[in-house]
Amino acid sequence: MWRSITKHLLNNRTYRNGMQTVLVGQNTLCHPKQVVSFQGYRQHTPAAFNISVPIQAIQKVEAFDKQRCITVHWEDGSHSQYPYVWLRDNCQCPQCFLPSAKARRLPIEDLDVNISAEKVTLTNSKISVVWPDQHVSEFDSSWLKTRSFAQSARKEKQEQLFLTEQQNWGSDLQIPTVNFEEVLDNDEVAYQWLRSLRKIGFVRLKHAPTEKGQVAKLGKRIGYLRMTFYGLTWQVEDKTDANNVAYTTGKLSLHTDYPALHHPPGVQLIHCIKPAEAGGETVMVDGFHVANQLRQLNPEAFQLLTSILVDFTDTGADYCDFCLQSKHKIIDLDHNGKVVQINFNNATRDSIFDIPVELVHPFLSALKYYVDLMYKPENLVTFKMEAGDVLTFNNWRILHGRQEYISAAGSARHLEGAYASWDEAMSRLRCLEQALYGNKQF
């Protein structure tokens, strides 16, 4: 009899905080987590934080068997829906979840995608679900609120996780500039450096020691550098029989580095150890900003550059011998049509071109139009690096180049460069944010 009454009530059940009208579990845990002890990662200043986490108050919970979900009504007037299958998939008990690794233990092959809830209870800030096999899952209200499926909540969470906000710029850019040593020694400065790098795409660090090894220190600050065929770090100098056009004194056209790789490095670090006595000015442009101009001014060219795969190649020997081939669209878009990556290096664009012959002229015309837009004075930033400058920039977004320079005997221009991946840079940014502020739930 009890089971039949339960099934009837579960078709549309309502639970109010502290006033559960049906099926209140006798063993429901009700210990709201209000203070979290957190040991944040801080490379130079380890510290523990006691962080106040506001409890997300639940007004009531409704369970709908036909829709196979629960609806949580929050005291701020909003509501969130959570499918039964998602709740079971994300059970936080030690049997289903490994807290020390923040990883799911429950194999998806053991998940019943048609599962229904036998009992749902609300106690203070926790919702408890009993499944047909009597397994119990408990969910903290703050944990649920953070994972709301409402469109606005999902958008906010994605911005928090990936920092998708961008500030486009042209020739009027006031280059964000910070002290190199402070980035290494101060977590707040390091955090702001990475935030600006993500949002603006370009930050200049000043007053680094004028000797090799400084980009390696930045790599350690992030986590680690990315190894390539040119080594963990590489020296930009005028070289005999250069295996890269950057290792000459000639002009370098605007480009992104390493589109010959299927996964080009996301972050580039370039340290000026010795500037050129004459020439060698750096030029930089916001490729996303110009791509959006192209979308408006020449939609046909934009369509070609976002749809045609271009062959890139790089062959030679450095750290070891290499023979690379890749294919990229010049402009990559995400599923929403937003520009997310530029892949262009004219030096390594292959003469092999895997497209129908009738598309060759339209494509090259489109590419020329895009590059000509980049070189418009209102889009271009030009400056000369000084000894001790370290340029850090988003290699998926910022195209860079340099003007021709004179290589003087005994005082040749010398830069040291390195790459890092956005995965590592974003990981460090999130770790710093947690250590500094502690109120972000990732």
Protein backbone atom coordinates (compact mmCIF):
# COMPACT_ATOMS: atom_id res chain seq x y z
CA MET A 1 0.00 0.00 0.00
CA TRP A 2 2.77 2.43 0.91
CA ARG A 3 4.46 1.82 -2.49
CA SER A 4 1.24 2.62 -4.37
CA ILE A 5 0.73 5.85 -2.43
CA THR A 6 4.35 6.74 -3.11
CA LYS A 7 4.00 6.26 -6.86
CA HIS A 8 0.87 8.43 -6.92
CA LEU A 9 2.50 11.26 -5.01
CA LEU A 10 5.70 11.15 -7.04
CA ASN A 11 3.86 12.16 -10.20
CA ASN A 12 3.86 15.71 -8.87
CA ARG A 13 5.55 16.08 -5.51
CA THR A 14 6.40 19.25 -3.64
CA TYR A 15 8.94 19.64 -0.83
CA ARG A 16 9.50 22.84 1.11
CA ASN A 17 12.61 23.60 3.07
CA GLY A 18 11.97 22.29 6.59
CA MET A 19 8.37 21.30 5.68
CA GLN A 20 8.59 18.09 3.68
CA THR A 21 5.01 17.01 3.14
CA VAL A 22 5.75 13.42 2.04
CA LEU A 23 8.50 10.85 2.17
CA VAL A 24 10.93 12.56 4.50
CA GLY A 25 13.87 10.18 4.81
CA GLN A 26 14.80 9.13 8.31
CA ASN A 27 18.53 9.03 7.50
CA THR A 28 18.77 12.23 5.49
CA LEU A 29 21.99 14.11 6.22
CA CYS A 30 21.42 17.77 6.97
CA HIS A 31 24.77 19.43 7.54
CA PRO A 32 24.92 22.55 5.31
CA LYS A 33 28.46 23.37 4.26
CA GLN A 34 29.02 27.02 5.14
CA VAL A 35 32.80 27.15 5.59
CA VAL A 36 35.29 25.42 3.35
CA SER A 37 38.93 24.94 4.29
CA PHE A 38 40.94 25.35 1.12
CA GLN A 39 44.67 24.97 0.55
CA GLY A 40 45.30 27.06 -2.55
CA TYR A 41 48.21 26.60 -4.90
CA ARG A 42 50.54 29.55 -4.60
CA GLN A 43 53.96 29.08 -6.06
CA HIS A 44 55.69 31.60 -3.82
CA THR A 45 53.30 32.18 -0.92
CA PRO A 46 51.52 28.99 0.17
CA ALA A 47 48.59 29.73 2.41
CA ALA A 48 45.34 28.23 3.60
CA PHE A 49 42.07 30.04 3.18
CA ASN A 50 38.79 29.83 5.09
CA ILE A 51 36.24 30.74 2.47
CA SER A 52 32.63 31.65 3.14
CA VAL A 53 30.42 29.97 0.58
CA PRO A 54 26.89 31.42 0.56
CA ILE A 55 24.21 28.78 0.86
CA GLN A 56 21.81 28.81 -2.07
CA ALA A 57 18.42 28.70 -0.34
CA ILE A 58 15.81 26.38 -1.80
CA GLN A 59 12.15 27.36 -1.46
CA LYS A 60 10.70 24.08 -2.67
CA VAL A 61 11.44 21.02 -4.80
CA GLU A 62 9.04 19.34 -7.21
CA ALA A 63 9.57 15.88 -8.69
CA PHE A 64 7.97 14.97 -12.02
CA ASP A 65 8.11 11.29 -12.97
CA LYS A 66 6.67 11.81 -16.46
CA GLN A 67 9.38 14.34 -17.32
CA ARG A 68 11.94 12.30 -15.34
CA CYS A 69 13.30 15.36 -13.56
CA ILE A 70 13.11 17.46 -10.43
CA THR A 71 12.50 21.20 -10.40
CA VAL A 72 14.22 23.27 -7.74
CA HIS A 73 12.60 26.59 -6.88
CA TRP A 74 15.11 29.00 -5.39
CA GLU A 75 14.31 31.72 -2.89
CA ASP A 76 15.50 34.36 -5.39
CA GLY A 77 12.49 33.45 -7.56
CA SER A 78 14.36 31.44 -10.18
CA HIS A 79 14.02 27.73 -10.78
CA SER A 80 16.22 24.96 -12.22
CA GLN A 81 15.41 21.57 -13.70
CA TYR A 82 17.62 18.52 -13.18
CA PRO A 83 16.95 15.27 -15.09
CA TYR A 84 16.93 12.08 -13.02
CA VAL A 85 19.56 10.49 -15.26
CA TRP A 86 21.90 13.47 -14.78
CA LEU A 87 21.47 13.34 -11.01
CA ARG A 88 22.27 9.63 -10.94
CA ASP A 89 25.20 10.12 -13.31
CA ASN A 90 26.61 12.78 -10.98
CA CYS A 91 26.05 11.14 -7.62
CA GLN A 92 28.63 12.55 -5.20
CA CYS A 93 28.84 9.60 -2.80
CA PRO A 94 32.27 7.92 -2.33
CA GLN A 95 31.09 4.90 -4.29
CA CYS A 96 30.29 6.97 -7.38
CA PHE A 97 32.74 9.88 -7.06
CA LEU A 98 36.40 10.20 -5.99
CA PRO A 99 36.63 13.52 -4.12
CA SER A 100 40.43 13.57 -3.98
CA ALA A 101 40.57 13.54 -7.79
CA LYS A 102 37.22 15.29 -8.38
CA ALA A 103 36.47 12.50 -10.80
CA ARG A 104 33.49 10.28 -11.53
CA ARG A 105 33.82 6.65 -10.49
CA LEU A 106 30.48 5.44 -11.82
CA PRO A 107 31.01 3.76 -15.23
CA ILE A 108 28.51 4.93 -17.81
CA GLU A 109 27.90 1.31 -18.78
CA ASP A 110 26.36 0.90 -15.32
CA LEU A 111 24.08 3.91 -15.75
CA ASP A 112 20.37 3.29 -16.25
CA VAL A 113 19.38 6.11 -18.61
CA ASN A 114 15.68 5.48 -17.91
CA ILE A 115 16.04 5.64 -14.15
CA SER A 116 13.30 7.08 -11.95
CA ALA A 117 13.46 8.37 -8.40
CA GLU A 118 11.78 6.43 -5.61
CA LYS A 119 12.07 9.13 -2.97
CA VAL A 120 13.16 12.78 -2.95
CA THR A 121 13.69 14.69 0.28
CA LEU A 122 14.72 18.25 1.08
CA THR A 123 16.51 18.98 4.33
CA ASN A 124 17.94 22.46 4.86
CA SER A 125 20.33 22.99 1.95
CA LYS A 126 20.51 19.41 0.69
CA ILE A 127 18.39 17.34 -1.65
CA SER A 128 18.48 13.59 -1.18
CA VAL A 129 17.35 11.12 -3.85
CA VAL A 130 16.71 7.43 -3.20
CA TRP A 131 16.86 5.33 -6.37
CA PRO A 132 14.97 2.08 -7.03
CA ASP A 133 17.99 -0.01 -5.98
CA GLN A 134 18.00 1.96 -2.67
CA HIS A 135 21.21 3.80 -3.58
CA VAL A 136 21.14 7.31 -2.07
CA SER A 137 22.49 10.45 -3.77
CA GLU A 138 22.80 13.76 -1.95
CA PHE A 139 23.27 17.14 -3.57
CA ASP A 140 24.22 20.39 -1.89
CA SER A 141 22.14 23.37 -2.99
CA SER A 142 25.18 25.48 -3.95
CA TRP A 143 26.54 22.61 -6.04
CA LEU A 144 23.20 22.34 -7.85
CA LYS A 145 22.84 26.09 -8.38
CA THR A 146 26.27 26.24 -10.00
CA ARG A 147 25.19 23.54 -12.46
CA SER A 148 21.81 24.94 -13.43
CA PHE A 149 20.71 24.12 -16.99
CA ALA A 150 19.02 27.50 -17.44
CA GLN A 151 20.47 29.25 -20.49
CA SER A 152 21.57 32.36 -18.58
CA ALA A 153 23.23 30.24 -15.88
CA ARG A 154 25.03 28.11 -18.46
CA LYS A 155 26.28 31.20 -20.28
CA GLU A 156 27.54 32.73 -17.05
CA LYS A 157 29.31 29.51 -16.06
CA GLN A 158 31.00 29.12 -19.45
CA GLU A 159 32.29 32.69 -19.23
CA GLN A 160 33.64 31.94 -15.76
CA LEU A 161 35.33 28.70 -16.86
CA PHE A 162 36.80 29.84 -20.16
CA LEU A 163 36.93 33.66 -19.87
CA THR A 164 35.35 34.15 -23.29
CA GLU A 165 35.07 37.94 -23.02
CA GLN A 166 37.35 39.69 -25.51
CA GLN A 167 38.45 43.28 -25.91
CA ASN A 168 39.16 43.98 -29.57
CA TRP A 169 41.72 46.62 -30.40
CA GLY A 170 43.44 48.57 -33.15
CA SER A 171 46.26 51.08 -33.43
CA ASP A 172 45.01 52.99 -30.38
CA LEU A 173 45.83 50.09 -28.04
CA GLN A 174 47.54 51.10 -24.83
CA ILE A 175 49.69 47.98 -24.49
CA PRO A 176 49.07 46.33 -21.10
CA THR A 177 52.44 46.39 -19.34
CA VAL A 178 53.58 44.79 -16.09
CA ASN A 179 56.88 44.12 -14.35
CA PHE A 180 58.48 40.78 -15.21
CA GLU A 181 59.73 40.00 -11.70
CA GLU A 182 56.35 40.83 -10.16
CA VAL A 183 54.70 38.27 -12.42
CA LEU A 184 57.11 35.67 -11.05
CA ASP A 185 56.82 36.71 -7.40
CA ASN A 186 53.31 38.06 -6.88
CA ASP A 187 50.25 35.87 -7.39
CA GLU A 188 47.90 38.82 -7.83
CA VAL A 189 50.08 40.29 -10.60
CA ALA A 190 50.42 36.87 -12.25
CA TYR A 191 46.65 36.45 -12.14
CA GLN A 192 46.05 39.88 -13.71
CA TRP A 193 48.70 39.12 -16.36
CA LEU A 194 46.92 35.95 -17.44
CA ARG A 195 43.50 37.62 -17.30
CA SER A 196 44.70 40.40 -19.60
CA LEU A 197 46.42 37.90 -21.86
CA ARG A 198 43.10 36.08 -22.23
CA LYS A 199 40.94 39.18 -22.69
CA ILE A 200 43.18 41.45 -24.77
CA GLY A 201 45.52 38.83 -26.22
CA PHE A 202 48.75 40.72 -25.62
CA VAL A 203 50.72 41.82 -22.55
CA ARG A 204 54.26 43.23 -22.41
CA LEU A 205 56.46 42.42 -19.43
CA LYS A 206 59.26 44.88 -18.62
CA HIS A 207 62.68 44.72 -16.98
CA ALA A 208 63.50 41.04 -17.37
CA PRO A 209 67.23 40.22 -17.00
CA THR A 210 68.94 40.47 -20.38
CA GLU A 211 70.16 36.90 -20.44
CA LYS A 212 68.81 33.60 -21.64
CA GLY A 213 66.47 31.56 -19.45
CA GLN A 214 63.78 34.12 -18.66
CA VAL A 215 61.05 32.59 -20.84
CA ALA A 216 61.74 29.28 -19.09
CA LYS A 217 60.94 31.02 -15.78
CA LEU A 218 57.63 32.20 -17.22
CA GLY A 219 56.95 28.68 -18.40
CA LYS A 220 57.49 27.39 -14.89
CA ARG A 221 55.19 30.09 -13.55
CA ILE A 222 52.46 28.82 -15.86
CA GLY A 223 53.31 25.16 -15.36
CA TYR A 224 55.60 24.12 -18.18
CA LEU A 225 56.57 25.08 -21.71
CA ARG A 226 55.50 23.30 -24.87
CA MET A 227 58.20 21.34 -26.66
CA THR A 228 58.45 21.72 -30.46
CA PHE A 229 60.86 20.73 -33.20
CA TYR A 230 62.73 24.00 -32.52
CA GLY A 231 63.34 22.99 -28.91
CA LEU A 232 61.84 23.95 -25.56
CA THR A 233 63.15 27.48 -26.18
CA TRP A 234 64.61 28.90 -29.38
CA GLN A 235 66.98 31.71 -30.31
CA VAL A 236 65.91 34.29 -32.88
CA GLU A 237 69.15 35.49 -34.46
CA ASP A 238 70.59 36.05 -37.91
CA LYS A 239 71.84 32.56 -38.80
CA THR A 240 73.75 31.18 -41.74
CA ASP A 241 71.64 28.68 -43.71
CA ALA A 242 68.64 29.60 -41.58
CA ASN A 243 66.01 26.87 -41.22
CA ASN A 244 63.33 29.50 -40.55
CA VAL A 245 62.72 32.90 -42.13
CA ALA A 246 62.64 34.39 -38.61
CA TYR A 247 66.35 33.58 -38.36
CA THR A 248 67.22 36.17 -41.02
CA THR A 249 67.39 39.98 -41.02
CA GLY A 250 64.60 40.43 -43.54
CA LYS A 251 61.07 41.66 -43.03
CA LEU A 252 58.66 39.20 -41.41
CA SER A 253 55.09 39.63 -42.61
CA LEU A 254 52.24 39.36 -40.14
CA HIS A 255 51.69 35.73 -39.19
CA THR A 256 50.74 33.28 -36.48
CA ASP A 257 53.39 30.75 -35.49
CA TYR A 258 53.38 27.09 -36.39
CA PRO A 259 50.22 26.46 -38.45
CA ALA A 260 52.25 23.55 -39.87
CA LEU A 261 51.22 21.77 -36.67
CA HIS A 262 47.65 20.48 -36.48
CA HIS A 263 47.48 22.01 -32.98
CA PRO A 264 49.50 25.27 -33.05
CA PRO A 265 50.71 26.55 -29.66
CA GLY A 266 48.26 28.92 -28.02
CA VAL A 267 50.62 31.21 -26.10
CA GLN A 268 53.88 32.70 -27.32
CA LEU A 269 56.64 34.25 -25.19
CA ILE A 270 59.41 36.36 -26.79
CA HIS A 271 62.19 37.91 -24.71
CA CYS A 272 64.37 40.70 -26.13
CA ILE A 273 67.92 40.10 -24.93
CA LYS A 274 69.54 42.45 -27.46
CA PRO A 275 67.50 44.76 -29.75
CA ALA A 276 68.63 45.69 -33.24
CA GLU A 277 70.57 48.93 -33.45
CA ALA A 278 68.62 49.90 -36.57
CA GLY A 279 65.26 48.53 -37.67
CA GLY A 280 63.55 45.41 -36.37
CA GLU A 281 60.42 47.17 -35.13
CA THR A 282 57.67 44.79 -34.04
CA VAL A 283 54.25 44.93 -35.70
CA MET A 284 51.14 43.32 -34.20
CA VAL A 285 47.47 43.12 -35.09
CA ASP A 286 44.33 41.71 -33.48
CA GLY A 287 43.39 39.00 -35.97
CA PHE A 288 39.93 38.52 -34.43
CA HIS A 289 39.15 42.22 -34.72
CA VAL A 290 40.17 42.30 -38.38
CA ALA A 291 38.34 39.03 -39.12
CA ASN A 292 35.13 40.62 -37.84
CA GLN A 293 35.79 43.62 -40.08
CA LEU A 294 36.21 41.22 -42.99
CA ARG A 295 32.88 39.57 -42.14
CA GLN A 296 31.15 42.94 -42.53
CA LEU A 297 33.09 44.36 -45.47
CA ASN A 298 33.49 41.26 -47.64
CA PRO A 299 31.21 38.39 -46.59
CA GLU A 300 32.22 36.29 -49.60
CA ALA A 301 35.91 36.50 -48.67
CA PHE A 302 35.04 35.70 -45.05
CA GLN A 303 33.11 32.62 -46.18
CA LEU A 304 36.06 31.36 -48.24
CA LEU A 305 38.60 31.86 -45.45
CA THR A 306 36.35 30.11 -42.93
CA SER A 307 35.60 27.10 -45.14
CA ILE A 308 38.61 26.23 -47.31
CA LEU A 309 41.31 24.02 -45.81
CA VAL A 310 44.81 25.30 -46.57
CA ASP A 311 47.92 23.10 -46.63
CA PHE A 312 50.91 24.14 -44.49
CA THR A 313 54.35 22.56 -44.38
CA ASP A 314 57.61 22.92 -42.44
CA THR A 315 60.69 20.83 -43.16
CA GLY A 316 64.21 20.93 -41.79
CA ALA A 317 66.32 20.07 -38.77
CA ASP A 318 66.72 21.81 -35.41
CA TYR A 319 66.10 20.01 -32.12
CA CYS A 320 65.71 17.04 -34.45
CA ASP A 321 64.82 16.64 -38.10
CA PHE A 322 61.19 17.28 -39.01
CA CYS A 323 58.79 17.11 -41.92
CA LEU A 324 55.40 18.58 -41.05
CA GLN A 325 52.14 18.72 -43.01
CA SER A 326 48.86 20.13 -41.78
CA LYS A 327 45.55 21.52 -43.01
CA HIS A 328 43.78 24.54 -41.50
CA LYS A 329 41.13 27.09 -42.29
CA ILE A 330 42.65 30.57 -42.17
CA ILE A 331 39.84 31.64 -39.82
CA ASP A 332 38.31 29.10 -37.43
CA LEU A 333 34.81 29.63 -36.04
CA ASP A 334 33.09 27.95 -33.12
CA HIS A 335 29.59 26.45 -33.21
CA ASN A 336 28.10 29.92 -32.69
CA GLY A 337 30.02 31.48 -35.58
CA LYS A 338 32.44 33.33 -33.28
CA VAL A 339 36.05 33.70 -34.45
CA VAL A 340 38.23 31.52 -32.20
CA GLN A 341 41.53 30.94 -34.06
CA ILE A 342 43.61 32.39 -36.88
CA ASN A 343 46.00 30.07 -38.76
CA PHE A 344 48.22 31.97 -41.15
CA ASN A 345 51.90 31.95 -41.95
CA ASN A 346 52.66 32.86 -45.54
CA ALA A 347 56.18 31.42 -45.31
CA THR A 348 54.93 27.92 -44.53
CA ARG A 349 51.74 27.99 -46.63
CA ASP A 350 52.34 25.07 -48.97
CA SER A 351 52.42 25.29 -52.76
CA ILE A 352 50.40 22.07 -52.64
CA PHE A 353 46.80 23.21 -52.45
CA ASP A 354 44.04 20.63 -52.20
CA ILE A 355 41.14 22.56 -53.77
CA PRO A 356 39.46 22.69 -57.18
CA VAL A 357 41.38 24.90 -59.60
CA GLU A 358 38.48 27.32 -60.04
CA LEU A 359 38.67 28.23 -56.32
CA VAL A 360 42.36 29.19 -56.34
CA HIS A 361 41.90 32.76 -57.57
CA PRO A 362 38.89 33.54 -55.34
CA PHE A 363 40.72 32.15 -52.31
CA LEU A 364 43.94 34.10 -52.87
CA SER A 365 41.93 37.25 -53.53
CA ALA A 366 40.10 36.72 -50.24
CA LEU A 367 43.35 36.10 -48.34
CA LYS A 368 44.95 39.20 -49.85
CA TYR A 369 41.90 41.26 -48.86
CA TYR A 370 42.16 40.02 -45.25
CA VAL A 371 45.90 40.75 -45.01
CA ASP A 372 45.47 44.18 -46.58
CA LEU A 373 42.90 44.95 -43.88
CA MET A 374 45.45 43.96 -41.23
CA TYR A 375 47.97 46.44 -42.56
CA LYS A 376 45.58 49.37 -42.45
CA PRO A 377 47.09 51.98 -40.08
CA GLU A 378 44.03 51.94 -37.83
CA ASN A 379 44.50 48.21 -37.15
CA LEU A 380 48.27 48.00 -36.71
CA VAL A 381 50.42 48.52 -33.61
CA THR A 382 54.12 49.19 -34.24
CA PHE A 383 56.84 49.58 -31.61
CA LYS A 384 60.46 48.67 -30.95
CA MET A 385 61.29 46.11 -28.30
CA GLU A 386 63.77 47.21 -25.65
CA ALA A 387 66.28 45.02 -23.87
CA GLY A 388 64.43 43.20 -21.08
CA ASP A 389 61.03 43.28 -22.78
CA VAL A 390 59.06 40.03 -22.88
CA LEU A 391 56.12 39.95 -25.26
CA THR A 392 53.43 37.47 -24.23
CA PHE A 393 50.53 36.99 -26.62
CA ASN A 394 47.75 34.74 -27.84
CA ASN A 395 49.16 32.98 -30.89
CA TRP A 396 45.66 31.91 -31.95
CA ARG A 397 44.56 35.53 -32.15
CA ILE A 398 47.47 37.95 -32.54
CA LEU A 399 49.43 38.11 -35.79
CA HIS A 400 52.93 39.48 -35.37
CA GLY A 401 55.80 40.45 -37.60
CA ARG A 402 58.83 42.71 -37.72
CA GLN A 403 60.51 45.15 -39.99
CA GLU A 404 63.86 44.50 -41.63
CA TYR A 405 66.91 45.21 -39.49
CA ILE A 406 70.67 45.60 -39.81
CA SER A 407 72.76 42.95 -38.14
CA ALA A 408 75.81 44.68 -36.70
CA ALA A 409 78.94 42.65 -36.02
CA GLY A 410 79.42 42.08 -32.30
CA SER A 411 76.00 43.45 -31.35
CA ALA A 412 73.54 41.30 -33.27
CA ARG A 413 69.85 41.32 -32.44
CA HIS A 414 68.95 38.40 -30.12
CA LEU A 415 65.55 37.23 -28.93
CA GLU A 416 64.69 34.07 -27.05
CA GLY A 417 61.28 32.54 -27.57
CA ALA A 418 59.10 29.76 -26.24
CA TYR A 419 55.56 28.43 -26.42
CA ALA A 420 52.96 27.36 -23.90
CA SER A 421 49.51 25.88 -24.39
CA TRP A 422 46.26 27.58 -23.44
CA ASP A 423 45.34 24.51 -21.41
CA GLU A 424 48.28 25.14 -19.08
CA ALA A 425 47.79 28.92 -19.02
CA MET A 426 44.08 28.63 -18.19
CA SER A 427 44.80 25.98 -15.59
CA ARG A 428 47.23 28.30 -13.81
CA LEU A 429 44.77 31.19 -14.06
CA ARG A 430 42.02 29.11 -12.41
CA CYS A 431 44.38 27.85 -9.70
CA LEU A 432 45.48 31.41 -8.95
CA GLU A 433 41.88 32.58 -8.83
CA GLN A 434 40.98 29.87 -6.37
CA ALA A 435 44.04 30.59 -4.22
CA LEU A 436 43.51 34.36 -4.21
CA TYR A 437 39.75 34.62 -3.96
CA GLY A 438 38.46 31.16 -3.18
CA ASN A 439 34.86 31.89 -4.08
CA LYS A 440 34.90 30.30 -7.51
CA GLN A 441 33.62 26.75 -7.90
CA PHE A 442 35.26 25.03 -10.85
